[in-house]
């Protein structure tokens, strides 16, 4: 689900290509751009449509929230899309995120294991629900204290919608600039969450790929 609570004014300019071969295309999605079209003509501009202008054959493999920047992999063939889908489903794609969160996190690392489900009256918000929520697990590491905030490395084991955002809020340290789960989002120029790295086996070649998109904040 997309974050459409604020006016949609996506950034313009070229999309940085991180990696490309005959089977996959990996790019660095800018913050503020939808991964796929939203509902309505005003939400038609998205990363998928922009890429299709140069690669008409490009196919979606996964998504990032509108306000999250960072690395995304697309398929260039149906076979590669099917195999990438299987890698995501079986949790064989390792994801690494960088976030700045409110407050100073005391511990140097930890794991959050809280089941999540959509908050239907307030969708697309998600919330913790121990009875009906889907398993959601995030490992985290404190990187640095910066001006009363904390830079974190987040390593999700599962891929639930808004998982990192709700888990950080549940930890008592919401992601800075988050329009849904933080109370001080107006004080930040963007949501401070970036998908920095992906590690996975190439869908058609027997080799591991370790790809990165540098964190912009």
Protein backbone atom coordinates (compact mmCIF):
# COMPACT_ATOMS: atom_id res chain seq x y z
CA UNK A 1 0.00 0.00 0.00
CA UNK A 2 1.18 3.50 -0.79
CA UNK A 3 1.48 6.51 1.44
CA UNK A 4 -0.99 8.97 -0.05
CA UNK A 5 -1.79 11.03 3.05
CA UNK A 6 0.14 14.04 1.72
CA UNK A 7 0.06 15.76 -1.69
CA UNK A 8 1.85 13.79 -4.37
CA UNK A 9 4.69 15.81 -5.88
CA UNK A 10 7.25 13.24 -7.03
CA UNK A 11 10.82 14.31 -7.78
CA UNK A 12 11.87 14.62 -11.41
CA UNK A 13 15.13 13.70 -13.08
CA UNK A 14 16.83 10.49 -14.17
CA UNK A 15 16.61 7.28 -12.16
CA UNK A 16 20.10 6.06 -11.12
CA UNK A 17 20.89 2.57 -12.41
CA UNK A 18 22.81 0.44 -9.90
CA UNK A 19 23.14 -2.73 -12.01
CA UNK A 20 21.81 -4.12 -15.29
CA UNK A 21 22.17 -7.27 -17.36
CA UNK A 22 19.92 -9.25 -19.72
CA UNK A 23 17.68 -10.48 -16.89
CA UNK A 24 17.42 -7.82 -14.19
CA UNK A 25 17.56 -4.07 -13.73
CA UNK A 26 18.48 -2.62 -10.32
CA UNK A 27 17.88 1.06 -9.62
CA UNK A 28 17.98 3.59 -6.79
CA UNK A 29 14.40 4.82 -6.23
CA UNK A 30 14.17 8.45 -5.13
CA UNK A 31 12.22 9.38 -2.02
CA UNK A 32 8.71 10.62 -2.80
CA UNK A 33 8.11 8.50 -5.91
CA UNK A 34 5.58 5.67 -5.88
CA UNK A 35 6.88 2.24 -6.89
CA UNK A 36 3.68 1.46 -8.83
CA UNK A 37 0.69 3.58 -9.85
CA UNK A 38 -1.77 4.61 -7.16
CA UNK A 39 -5.51 4.97 -7.55
CA UNK A 40 -6.42 7.89 -9.78
CA UNK A 41 -4.74 9.73 -12.64
CA UNK A 42 -2.90 12.04 -10.21
CA UNK A 43 -0.99 9.01 -8.89
CA UNK A 44 -0.08 7.53 -12.28
CA UNK A 45 3.52 8.77 -12.22
CA UNK A 46 5.63 6.04 -10.64
CA UNK A 47 8.97 4.30 -10.86
CA UNK A 48 7.60 1.37 -12.87
CA UNK A 49 6.07 3.62 -15.53
CA UNK A 50 9.21 5.73 -15.79
CA UNK A 51 11.39 2.67 -16.27
CA UNK A 52 9.03 1.25 -18.88
CA UNK A 53 9.70 4.33 -21.02
CA UNK A 54 13.29 3.09 -21.50
CA UNK A 55 12.80 -0.63 -20.84
CA UNK A 56 9.30 -1.56 -22.11
CA UNK A 57 9.82 -5.13 -20.95
CA UNK A 58 10.55 -4.24 -17.31
CA UNK A 59 8.56 -6.20 -14.70
CA UNK A 60 7.94 -5.57 -11.00
CA UNK A 61 9.55 -7.85 -8.39
CA UNK A 62 8.90 -5.99 -5.10
CA UNK A 63 8.03 -2.54 -3.79
CA UNK A 64 9.22 0.26 -1.54
CA UNK A 65 6.95 2.76 0.19
CA UNK A 66 6.61 6.10 -1.55
CA UNK A 67 8.59 7.93 1.12
CA UNK A 68 11.38 5.34 1.29
CA UNK A 69 14.34 5.72 -1.04
CA UNK A 70 16.77 3.10 -2.18
CA UNK A 71 17.57 -0.03 -4.05
CA UNK A 72 14.94 -1.92 -6.05
CA UNK A 73 15.31 -4.86 -8.43
CA UNK A 74 13.16 -5.31 -11.53
CA UNK A 75 13.03 -8.21 -13.97
CA UNK A 76 13.56 -7.89 -17.71
CA UNK A 77 12.08 -11.29 -18.57
CA UNK A 78 9.09 -13.30 -17.31
CA UNK A 79 11.43 -16.10 -16.24
CA UNK A 80 13.59 -13.75 -14.20
CA UNK A 81 10.47 -12.22 -12.59
CA UNK A 82 9.18 -15.66 -11.60
CA UNK A 83 12.53 -16.68 -10.12
CA UNK A 84 12.99 -13.37 -8.29
CA UNK A 85 9.48 -13.72 -6.90
CA UNK A 86 10.42 -17.12 -5.55
CA UNK A 87 13.56 -15.70 -3.92
CA UNK A 88 11.52 -13.04 -2.13
CA UNK A 89 8.84 -15.54 -1.09
CA UNK A 90 11.38 -17.92 0.42
CA UNK A 91 13.24 -15.07 2.19
CA UNK A 92 16.43 -15.60 0.20
CA UNK A 93 16.82 -11.90 -0.54
CA UNK A 94 18.74 -10.21 2.26
CA UNK A 95 17.76 -6.56 2.72
CA UNK A 96 19.64 -3.83 4.53
CA UNK A 97 18.18 -0.43 5.43
CA UNK A 98 19.55 2.71 7.04
CA UNK A 99 17.28 4.84 9.24
CA UNK A 100 17.54 7.81 11.55
CA UNK A 101 15.20 7.47 14.49
CA UNK A 102 14.03 9.74 17.28
CA UNK A 103 15.93 9.68 20.54
CA UNK A 104 19.05 7.88 21.66
CA UNK A 105 18.80 4.10 21.46
CA UNK A 106 20.46 2.65 24.56
CA UNK A 107 21.30 -0.87 23.35
CA UNK A 108 23.72 -1.61 20.53
CA UNK A 109 21.60 -4.27 18.84
CA UNK A 110 18.39 -6.24 19.16
CA UNK A 111 15.51 -8.05 17.47
CA UNK A 112 11.87 -6.99 17.22
CA UNK A 113 9.37 -9.83 16.83
CA UNK A 114 5.90 -8.29 16.64
CA UNK A 115 3.12 -9.55 14.32
CA UNK A 116 1.54 -6.93 12.05
CA UNK A 117 -1.79 -6.48 10.31
CA UNK A 118 -3.47 -3.63 8.47
CA UNK A 119 -5.43 -1.21 10.66
CA UNK A 120 -8.56 -1.35 8.51
CA UNK A 121 -10.34 1.79 9.82
CA UNK A 122 -7.10 3.73 9.24
CA UNK A 123 -5.59 1.94 6.26
CA UNK A 124 -2.94 1.93 4.91
CA UNK A 125 -1.63 2.12 8.48
CA UNK A 126 -0.47 -1.14 10.04
CA UNK A 127 -0.44 -2.08 13.71
CA UNK A 128 0.71 -4.81 16.07
CA UNK A 129 -1.89 -7.55 16.58
CA UNK A 130 -0.92 -10.68 18.50
CA UNK A 131 -4.11 -12.55 17.56
CA UNK A 132 -4.41 -11.92 13.83
CA UNK A 133 -1.12 -10.32 12.79
CA UNK A 134 1.35 -11.95 10.42
CA UNK A 135 4.80 -12.85 11.76
CA UNK A 136 7.14 -9.87 11.39
CA UNK A 137 10.78 -9.86 12.53
CA UNK A 138 13.42 -7.14 12.30
CA UNK A 139 17.02 -7.28 13.48
CA UNK A 140 18.60 -3.91 14.22
CA UNK A 141 22.01 -2.47 15.01
CA UNK A 142 22.80 0.95 16.42
CA UNK A 143 25.32 2.72 14.22
CA UNK A 144 25.77 6.18 15.78
CA UNK A 145 24.19 8.85 17.97
CA UNK A 146 23.68 12.03 15.92
CA UNK A 147 22.42 15.25 17.55
CA UNK A 148 20.08 13.45 19.93
CA UNK A 149 18.90 11.00 17.28
CA UNK A 150 20.18 7.53 16.37
CA UNK A 151 21.38 6.15 13.06
CA UNK A 152 20.29 2.52 12.74
CA UNK A 153 20.97 -0.41 10.45
CA UNK A 154 17.76 -2.42 9.98
CA UNK A 155 17.79 -6.00 8.72
CA UNK A 156 14.25 -7.28 8.16
CA UNK A 157 13.76 -11.04 8.12
CA UNK A 158 10.19 -10.63 6.81
CA UNK A 159 8.73 -8.13 4.37
CA UNK A 160 5.46 -6.83 5.78
CA UNK A 161 3.99 -3.51 4.71
CA UNK A 162 5.38 -0.68 6.87
CA UNK A 163 7.24 -3.28 8.95
CA UNK A 164 10.31 -1.20 9.75
CA UNK A 165 8.23 1.89 10.44
CA UNK A 166 5.89 0.19 12.92
CA UNK A 167 8.70 -1.80 14.55
CA UNK A 168 10.76 1.35 15.18
CA UNK A 169 7.68 3.08 16.60
CA UNK A 170 7.08 0.06 18.85
CA UNK A 171 10.68 0.27 20.03
CA UNK A 172 9.94 3.82 21.18
CA UNK A 173 12.15 5.36 18.48
CA UNK A 174 10.03 6.19 15.41
CA UNK A 175 11.73 6.93 12.11
CA UNK A 176 12.26 10.66 11.72
CA UNK A 177 10.02 12.34 9.17
CA UNK A 178 7.57 9.43 9.01
CA UNK A 179 4.18 10.98 8.13
CA UNK A 180 2.25 8.05 9.61
CA UNK A 181 4.08 6.84 12.70
CA UNK A 182 6.05 9.86 13.96
CA UNK A 183 4.66 13.00 15.57
CA UNK A 184 7.47 15.32 14.43
CA UNK A 185 7.47 14.51 10.71
CA UNK A 186 6.96 18.18 9.76
CA UNK A 187 10.40 19.02 11.15
CA UNK A 188 12.23 16.78 8.66
CA UNK A 189 12.60 17.21 4.88
CA UNK A 190 11.81 13.54 4.23
CA UNK A 191 11.27 10.21 5.91
CA UNK A 192 14.72 9.11 7.04
CA UNK A 193 14.56 5.54 5.74
CA UNK A 194 16.70 4.22 2.89
CA UNK A 195 17.03 0.74 1.38
CA UNK A 196 20.81 0.56 1.19
CA UNK A 197 21.58 -2.99 0.12
CA UNK A 198 20.33 -6.23 -1.38
CA UNK A 199 22.04 -9.61 -1.43
CA UNK A 200 20.60 -12.46 -3.49
CA UNK A 201 21.49 -15.21 -5.93
CA UNK A 202 21.17 -14.08 -9.53
CA UNK A 203 17.90 -15.52 -10.87
CA UNK A 204 19.50 -17.12 -13.94
CA UNK A 205 23.22 -17.26 -13.13
CA UNK A 206 24.87 -19.24 -10.35
CA UNK A 207 26.43 -16.30 -8.53
CA UNK A 208 25.63 -14.04 -5.62
CA UNK A 209 24.93 -10.37 -6.13
CA UNK A 210 25.67 -7.79 -3.43
CA UNK A 211 24.33 -4.44 -4.55
CA UNK A 212 24.21 -1.08 -2.80
CA UNK A 213 22.66 2.35 -3.19
CA UNK A 214 24.48 4.91 -1.02
CA UNK A 215 22.40 6.47 1.75
CA UNK A 216 21.57 10.12 0.89
CA UNK A 217 21.25 11.35 4.48
